[in-house]
């Protein structure tokens, strides 16, 4: 009898263990299915978002291309129109164009002033103390009423050197450059400035400023 009871107990324990193991395995399989399902949904959402982002990027790229084309067309139109707008505005005027690390820009500015009817003498300035006397001598010899200084990117020592050289000419000089950056110290010192001189608008502003100064006798 004792053997029979032990046998039945062992059998029952084995059955319950098997049942528990089956439940555990079934639960694990169910959990894995849920997890895989959630992962699949997440991947679908990510793919949908990537598709939307790619479409948005393509749209923005197209818009940027159209804007760039319109800007180029606008600039070309202004460049073609500029000579007509400037013709005769500086007739009879005489200027010196002095470039500092901006040969190409200064050449373009010189051409613009000549298109406006001015006589222009071109010279280059270099970063050294003797240039101050060089510029003053040129102004005296040529009897130029005004000097247009076209400058490229300058270091702090170069900008300070140029400002020191130009301050004695404050009533006769205009400083032109691409970026306003270091131009601020020239403006603060009372020297007239023109920024964005690499654009048609910059050239127009320069001629307009020189025209006004001519009217005022400065």
C-alpha atoms as a PDB file:
ATOM      1  CA  UNK A   1       0.000   0.000   0.000  1.00  0.00           C
ATOM      2  CA  UNK A   2       2.794   2.381   0.899  1.00  0.00           C
ATOM      3  CA  UNK A   3       4.446   1.675  -2.428  1.00  0.00           C
ATOM      4  CA  UNK A   4       1.182   2.354  -4.263  1.00  0.00           C
ATOM      5  CA  UNK A   5       0.679   5.734  -2.551  1.00  0.00           C
ATOM      6  CA  UNK A   6       4.242   6.811  -3.337  1.00  0.00           C
ATOM      7  CA  UNK A   7       3.740   5.757  -6.928  1.00  0.00           C
ATOM      8  CA  UNK A   8       0.506   7.740  -7.196  1.00  0.00           C
ATOM      9  CA  UNK A   9       2.121  10.787  -5.604  1.00  0.00           C
ATOM     10  CA  UNK A  10       5.046  10.590  -8.011  1.00  0.00           C
ATOM     11  CA  UNK A  11       2.656  10.285 -10.912  1.00  0.00           C
ATOM     12  CA  UNK A  12       0.592  13.273  -9.759  1.00  0.00           C
ATOM     13  CA  UNK A  13       3.721  15.396  -9.245  1.00  0.00           C
ATOM     14  CA  UNK A  14       4.950  14.455 -12.709  1.00  0.00           C
ATOM     15  CA  UNK A  15       1.573  15.373 -14.218  1.00  0.00           C
ATOM     16  CA  UNK A  16       1.517  18.755 -12.464  1.00  0.00           C
ATOM     17  CA  UNK A  17       5.098  19.456 -13.484  1.00  0.00           C
ATOM     18  CA  UNK A  18       4.294  18.609 -17.070  1.00  0.00           C
ATOM     19  CA  UNK A  19       1.193  20.807 -16.924  1.00  0.00           C
ATOM     20  CA  UNK A  20       3.159  23.698 -15.425  1.00  0.00           C
ATOM     21  CA  UNK A  21       5.891  23.317 -18.020  1.00  0.00           C
ATOM     22  CA  UNK A  22       3.318  23.267 -20.778  1.00  0.00           C
ATOM     23  CA  UNK A  23       1.677  26.422 -19.466  1.00  0.00           C
ATOM     24  CA  UNK A  24       5.093  28.099 -19.203  1.00  0.00           C
ATOM     25  CA  UNK A  25       6.032  27.136 -22.737  1.00  0.00           C
ATOM     26  CA  UNK A  26       2.670  28.246 -24.058  1.00  0.00           C
ATOM     27  CA  UNK A  27       2.922  31.582 -22.282  1.00  0.00           C
ATOM     28  CA  UNK A  28       6.432  32.101 -23.649  1.00  0.00           C
ATOM     29  CA  UNK A  29       5.276  31.351 -27.182  1.00  0.00           C
ATOM     30  CA  UNK A  30       2.378  33.766 -26.745  1.00  0.00           C
ATOM     31  CA  UNK A  31       4.685  36.483 -25.380  1.00  0.00           C
ATOM     32  CA  UNK A  32       7.081  35.971 -28.270  1.00  0.00           C
ATOM     33  CA  UNK A  33       4.216  36.294 -30.740  1.00  0.00           C
ATOM     34  CA  UNK A  34       3.078  39.546 -29.103  1.00  0.00           C
ATOM     35  CA  UNK A  35       6.629  40.867 -29.075  1.00  0.00           C
ATOM     36  CA  UNK A  36       7.167  39.974 -32.734  1.00  0.00           C
ATOM     37  CA  UNK A  37       3.858  41.608 -33.611  1.00  0.00           C
ATOM     38  CA  UNK A  38       4.805  44.837 -31.819  1.00  0.00           C
ATOM     39  CA  UNK A  39       8.226  44.834 -33.458  1.00  0.00           C
ATOM     40  CA  UNK A  40       6.606  44.410 -36.855  1.00  0.00           C
ATOM     41  CA  UNK A  41       4.251  47.349 -36.195  1.00  0.00           C
ATOM     42  CA  UNK A  42       7.156  49.511 -35.034  1.00  0.00           C
ATOM     43  CA  UNK A  43       9.164  48.689 -38.172  1.00  0.00           C
ATOM     44  CA  UNK A  44       6.143  49.577 -40.329  1.00  0.00           C
ATOM     45  CA  UNK A  45       5.790  52.932 -38.539  1.00  0.00           C
ATOM     46  CA  UNK A  46       9.506  53.707 -38.948  1.00  0.00           C
ATOM     47  CA  UNK A  47       9.390  52.823 -42.651  1.00  0.00           C
ATOM     48  CA  UNK A  48       6.342  55.061 -43.119  1.00  0.00           C
ATOM     49  CA  UNK A  49       8.102  57.939 -41.356  1.00  0.00           C
ATOM     50  CA  UNK A  50      11.239  57.443 -43.462  1.00  0.00           C
ATOM     51  CA  UNK A  51       9.112  57.526 -46.609  1.00  0.00           C
ATOM     52  CA  UNK A  52       7.499  60.784 -45.474  1.00  0.00           C
ATOM     53  CA  UNK A  53      10.902  62.287 -44.656  1.00  0.00           C
ATOM     54  CA  UNK A  54      12.300  61.295 -48.057  1.00  0.00           C
ATOM     55  CA  UNK A  55       9.300  62.838 -49.801  1.00  0.00           C
ATOM     56  CA  UNK A  56       9.671  66.026 -47.728  1.00  0.00           C
ATOM     57  CA  UNK A  57      13.395  66.191 -48.474  1.00  0.00           C
ATOM     58  CA  UNK A  58      12.723  65.784 -52.203  1.00  0.00           C
ATOM     59  CA  UNK A  59      10.103  68.556 -52.055  1.00  0.00           C
ATOM     60  CA  UNK A  60      12.444  70.922 -50.185  1.00  0.00           C
ATOM     61  CA  UNK A  61      15.266  70.140 -52.617  1.00  0.00           C
ATOM     62  CA  UNK A  62      13.018  70.982 -55.539  1.00  0.00           C
ATOM     63  CA  UNK A  63      11.896  74.229 -53.894  1.00  0.00           C
ATOM     64  CA  UNK A  64      15.521  75.164 -53.122  1.00  0.00           C
ATOM     65  CA  UNK A  65      16.452  74.523 -56.755  1.00  0.00           C
ATOM     66  CA  UNK A  66      13.617  76.737 -57.975  1.00  0.00           C
ATOM     67  CA  UNK A  67      14.557  79.483 -55.488  1.00  0.00           C
ATOM     68  CA  UNK A  68      18.210  79.326 -56.579  1.00  0.00           C
ATOM     69  CA  UNK A  69      17.177  79.549 -60.240  1.00  0.00           C
ATOM     70  CA  UNK A  70      14.939  82.548 -59.503  1.00  0.00           C
ATOM     71  CA  UNK A  71      17.735  84.242 -57.548  1.00  0.00           C
ATOM     72  CA  UNK A  72      20.188  83.701 -60.412  1.00  0.00           C
ATOM     73  CA  UNK A  73      17.647  85.074 -62.897  1.00  0.00           C
ATOM     74  CA  UNK A  74      17.029  88.099 -60.655  1.00  0.00           C
ATOM     75  CA  UNK A  75      20.762  88.791 -60.252  1.00  0.00           C
ATOM     76  CA  UNK A  76      21.371  88.457 -63.987  1.00  0.00           C
ATOM     77  CA  UNK A  77      18.486  90.828 -64.673  1.00  0.00           C
ATOM     78  CA  UNK A  78      19.861  93.414 -62.237  1.00  0.00           C
ATOM     79  CA  UNK A  79      23.394  93.035 -63.623  1.00  0.00           C
ATOM     80  CA  UNK A  80      22.104  93.643 -67.155  1.00  0.00           C
ATOM     81  CA  UNK A  81      20.041  96.614 -65.989  1.00  0.00           C
ATOM     82  CA  UNK A  82      22.719  98.224 -63.800  1.00  0.00           C
ATOM     83  CA  UNK A  83      24.685 100.034 -66.556  1.00  0.00           C
ATOM     84  CA  UNK A  84      21.484 101.735 -67.732  1.00  0.00           C
ATOM     85  CA  UNK A  85      20.565 102.737 -64.191  1.00  0.00           C
ATOM     86  CA  UNK A  86      24.033 104.098 -63.410  1.00  0.00           C
ATOM     87  CA  UNK A  87      24.758 105.852 -66.702  1.00  0.00           C
ATOM     88  CA  UNK A  88      25.782 109.481 -66.106  1.00  0.00           C
ATOM     89  CA  UNK A  89      25.268 109.452 -62.327  1.00  0.00           C
ATOM     90  CA  UNK A  90      28.951 110.211 -61.678  1.00  0.00           C
ATOM     91  CA  UNK A  91      29.747 112.228 -64.810  1.00  0.00           C
ATOM     92  CA  UNK A  92      32.774 114.472 -64.349  1.00  0.00           C
ATOM     93  CA  UNK A  93      33.769 112.899 -61.008  1.00  0.00           C
ATOM     94  CA  UNK A  94      37.232 111.552 -60.266  1.00  0.00           C
ATOM     95  CA  UNK A  95      38.035 108.787 -57.792  1.00  0.00           C
ATOM     96  CA  UNK A  96      40.815 106.528 -56.645  1.00  0.00           C
ATOM     97  CA  UNK A  97      39.937 102.879 -56.151  1.00  0.00           C
ATOM     98  CA  UNK A  98      42.341 101.367 -53.618  1.00  0.00           C
ATOM     99  CA  UNK A  99      42.167  97.615 -53.105  1.00  0.00           C
ATOM    100  CA  UNK A 100      43.380  95.684 -50.060  1.00  0.00           C
ATOM    101  CA  UNK A 101      43.387  91.907 -50.618  1.00  0.00           C
ATOM    102  CA  UNK A 102      40.439  92.255 -53.022  1.00  0.00           C
ATOM    103  CA  UNK A 103      41.807  92.622 -56.540  1.00  0.00           C
ATOM    104  CA  UNK A 104      38.865  91.000 -58.348  1.00  0.00           C
ATOM    105  CA  UNK A 105      36.261  92.929 -56.374  1.00  0.00           C
ATOM    106  CA  UNK A 106      38.114  96.222 -56.814  1.00  0.00           C
ATOM    107  CA  UNK A 107      38.364  95.636 -60.567  1.00  0.00           C
ATOM    108  CA  UNK A 108      34.579  95.142 -60.698  1.00  0.00           C
ATOM    109  CA  UNK A 109      33.961  98.264 -58.607  1.00  0.00           C
ATOM    110  CA  UNK A 110      36.293 100.291 -60.830  1.00  0.00           C
ATOM    111  CA  UNK A 111      34.361  99.119 -63.904  1.00  0.00           C
ATOM    112  CA  UNK A 112      31.063 100.107 -62.263  1.00  0.00           C
ATOM    113  CA  UNK A 113      32.303 103.602 -61.408  1.00  0.00           C
ATOM    114  CA  UNK A 114      33.494 104.062 -64.980  1.00  0.00           C
ATOM    115  CA  UNK A 115      30.113 102.887 -66.299  1.00  0.00           C
ATOM    116  CA  UNK A 116      28.563 105.601 -64.120  1.00  0.00           C
ATOM    117  CA  UNK A 117      30.724 108.175 -65.921  1.00  0.00           C
ATOM    118  CA  UNK A 118      33.557 108.650 -63.427  1.00  0.00           C
ATOM    119  CA  UNK A 119      37.278 108.767 -64.121  1.00  0.00           C
ATOM    120  CA  UNK A 120      38.972 106.221 -61.880  1.00  0.00           C
ATOM    121  CA  UNK A 121      42.584 105.550 -60.975  1.00  0.00           C
ATOM    122  CA  UNK A 122      43.266 102.088 -59.559  1.00  0.00           C
ATOM    123  CA  UNK A 123      45.962 101.195 -57.050  1.00  0.00           C
ATOM    124  CA  UNK A 124      46.747  98.402 -54.596  1.00  0.00           C
ATOM    125  CA  UNK A 125      47.579  98.791 -50.902  1.00  0.00           C
ATOM    126  CA  UNK A 126      49.649  96.325 -48.888  1.00  0.00           C
ATOM    127  CA  UNK A 127      49.890  95.708 -45.178  1.00  0.00           C
ATOM    128  CA  UNK A 128      52.820  97.911 -44.188  1.00  0.00           C
ATOM    129  CA  UNK A 129      53.203 101.297 -42.536  1.00  0.00           C
ATOM    130  CA  UNK A 130      54.655 102.993 -45.612  1.00  0.00           C
ATOM    131  CA  UNK A 131      51.360 102.541 -47.466  1.00  0.00           C
ATOM    132  CA  UNK A 132      49.844 105.473 -45.582  1.00  0.00           C
ATOM    133  CA  UNK A 133      52.193 107.949 -47.222  1.00  0.00           C
ATOM    134  CA  UNK A 134      51.764 106.094 -50.537  1.00  0.00           C
ATOM    135  CA  UNK A 135      47.993 106.642 -50.498  1.00  0.00           C
ATOM    136  CA  UNK A 136      48.227 110.267 -49.356  1.00  0.00           C
ATOM    137  CA  UNK A 137      50.777 110.986 -52.068  1.00  0.00           C
ATOM    138  CA  UNK A 138      48.554 109.454 -54.728  1.00  0.00           C
ATOM    139  CA  UNK A 139      45.574 111.537 -53.592  1.00  0.00           C
ATOM    140  CA  UNK A 140      47.607 114.755 -53.667  1.00  0.00           C
ATOM    141  CA  UNK A 141      49.176 114.030 -57.054  1.00  0.00           C
ATOM    142  CA  UNK A 142      45.893 113.080 -58.700  1.00  0.00           C
ATOM    143  CA  UNK A 143      43.758 115.654 -56.876  1.00  0.00           C
ATOM    144  CA  UNK A 144      41.138 112.955 -56.317  1.00  0.00           C
ATOM    145  CA  UNK A 145      38.171 114.215 -54.291  1.00  0.00           C
ATOM    146  CA  UNK A 146      37.358 110.747 -52.910  1.00  0.00           C
ATOM    147  CA  UNK A 147      38.880 107.325 -52.390  1.00  0.00           C
ATOM    148  CA  UNK A 148      36.953 104.068 -52.541  1.00  0.00           C
ATOM    149  CA  UNK A 149      38.775 101.417 -50.533  1.00  0.00           C
ATOM    150  CA  UNK A 150      37.698  97.899 -51.504  1.00  0.00           C
ATOM    151  CA  UNK A 151      38.878  95.370 -48.942  1.00  0.00           C
ATOM    152  CA  UNK A 152      38.758  91.596 -48.741  1.00  0.00           C
ATOM    153  CA  UNK A 153      38.831  89.502 -45.574  1.00  0.00           C
ATOM    154  CA  UNK A 154      41.158  91.246 -43.126  1.00  0.00           C
ATOM    155  CA  UNK A 155      42.708  90.044 -39.904  1.00  0.00           C
ATOM    156  CA  UNK A 156      42.339  92.223 -36.801  1.00  0.00           C
ATOM    157  CA  UNK A 157      45.847  93.753 -37.196  1.00  0.00           C
ATOM    158  CA  UNK A 158      45.179  94.459 -40.885  1.00  0.00           C
ATOM    159  CA  UNK A 159      41.814  96.071 -40.139  1.00  0.00           C
ATOM    160  CA  UNK A 160      43.357  98.239 -37.398  1.00  0.00           C
ATOM    161  CA  UNK A 161      46.186  99.251 -39.723  1.00  0.00           C
ATOM    162  CA  UNK A 162      43.739 100.195 -42.473  1.00  0.00           C
ATOM    163  CA  UNK A 163      41.498 102.186 -40.133  1.00  0.00           C
ATOM    164  CA  UNK A 164      44.477 104.111 -38.750  1.00  0.00           C
ATOM    165  CA  UNK A 165      45.559 104.938 -42.293  1.00  0.00           C
ATOM    166  CA  UNK A 166      42.092 106.076 -43.413  1.00  0.00           C
ATOM    167  CA  UNK A 167      41.016 108.165 -40.413  1.00  0.00           C
ATOM    168  CA  UNK A 168      42.859 111.307 -41.634  1.00  0.00           C
ATOM    169  CA  UNK A 169      40.842 110.940 -44.871  1.00  0.00           C
ATOM    170  CA  UNK A 170      37.476 110.555 -43.144  1.00  0.00           C
ATOM    171  CA  UNK A 171      35.834 113.212 -45.290  1.00  0.00           C
ATOM    172  CA  UNK A 172      37.069 111.715 -48.549  1.00  0.00           C
ATOM    173  CA  UNK A 173      36.980 107.949 -48.159  1.00  0.00           C
ATOM    174  CA  UNK A 174      34.394 105.162 -48.486  1.00  0.00           C
ATOM    175  CA  UNK A 175      35.211 101.642 -47.316  1.00  0.00           C
ATOM    176  CA  UNK A 176      33.540  98.791 -49.218  1.00  0.00           C
ATOM    177  CA  UNK A 177      33.640  95.083 -48.417  1.00  0.00           C
ATOM    178  CA  UNK A 178      31.648  91.871 -48.731  1.00  0.00           C
ATOM    179  CA  UNK A 179      30.736  91.189 -45.093  1.00  0.00           C
ATOM    180  CA  UNK A 180      29.895  93.717 -42.414  1.00  0.00           C
ATOM    181  CA  UNK A 181      32.069  91.908 -39.780  1.00  0.00           C
ATOM    182  CA  UNK A 182      35.108  94.110 -39.371  1.00  0.00           C
ATOM    183  CA  UNK A 183      33.359  97.022 -41.152  1.00  0.00           C
ATOM    184  CA  UNK A 184      31.650  97.832 -37.863  1.00  0.00           C
ATOM    185  CA  UNK A 185      34.802  99.381 -36.411  1.00  0.00           C
ATOM    186  CA  UNK A 186      35.133 101.633 -39.473  1.00  0.00           C
ATOM    187  CA  UNK A 187      31.517 102.703 -39.180  1.00  0.00           C
ATOM    188  CA  UNK A 188      31.957 103.348 -35.455  1.00  0.00           C
ATOM    189  CA  UNK A 189      34.967 105.551 -36.287  1.00  0.00           C
ATOM    190  CA  UNK A 190      32.785 107.697 -38.557  1.00  0.00           C
ATOM    191  CA  UNK A 191      33.985 106.282 -41.876  1.00  0.00           C
ATOM    192  CA  UNK A 192      31.210 105.656 -44.427  1.00  0.00           C
ATOM    193  CA  UNK A 193      30.950 102.004 -45.451  1.00  0.00           C
ATOM    194  CA  UNK A 194      29.207  99.848 -48.041  1.00  0.00           C
ATOM    195  CA  UNK A 195      28.750  96.135 -47.438  1.00  0.00           C
ATOM    196  CA  UNK A 196      27.887  93.324 -49.871  1.00  0.00           C
ATOM    197  CA  UNK A 197      30.063  94.980 -52.506  1.00  0.00           C
ATOM    198  CA  UNK A 198      30.119  91.642 -54.351  1.00  0.00           C
ATOM    199  CA  UNK A 199      26.477  92.165 -55.387  1.00  0.00           C
ATOM    200  CA  UNK A 200      24.665  94.436 -57.827  1.00  0.00           C
ATOM    201  CA  UNK A 201      22.861  96.070 -54.901  1.00  0.00           C
ATOM    202  CA  UNK A 202      26.209  96.780 -53.237  1.00  0.00           C
ATOM    203  CA  UNK A 203      27.472  98.531 -56.393  1.00  0.00           C
ATOM    204  CA  UNK A 204      24.274 100.549 -56.612  1.00  0.00           C
ATOM    205  CA  UNK A 205      24.597 101.642 -52.979  1.00  0.00           C
ATOM    206  CA  UNK A 206      28.200 102.700 -53.530  1.00  0.00           C
ATOM    207  CA  UNK A 207      27.367 104.844 -56.570  1.00  0.00           C
ATOM    208  CA  UNK A 208      24.367 106.310 -54.759  1.00  0.00           C
ATOM    209  CA  UNK A 209      26.525 107.193 -51.738  1.00  0.00           C
ATOM    210  CA  UNK A 210      29.190 108.813 -53.931  1.00  0.00           C
ATOM    211  CA  UNK A 211      26.492 110.738 -55.795  1.00  0.00           C
ATOM    212  CA  UNK A 212      25.070 112.102 -52.527  1.00  0.00           C
ATOM    213  CA  UNK A 213      28.511 112.995 -51.220  1.00  0.00           C
ATOM    214  CA  UNK A 214      29.186 114.841 -54.484  1.00  0.00           C
ATOM    215  CA  UNK A 215      25.983 116.827 -54.053  1.00  0.00           C
ATOM    216  CA  UNK A 216      26.957 117.748 -50.521  1.00  0.00           C
ATOM    217  CA  UNK A 217      30.508 118.628 -51.540  1.00  0.00           C
ATOM    218  CA  UNK A 218      32.090 115.856 -49.445  1.00  0.00           C
END
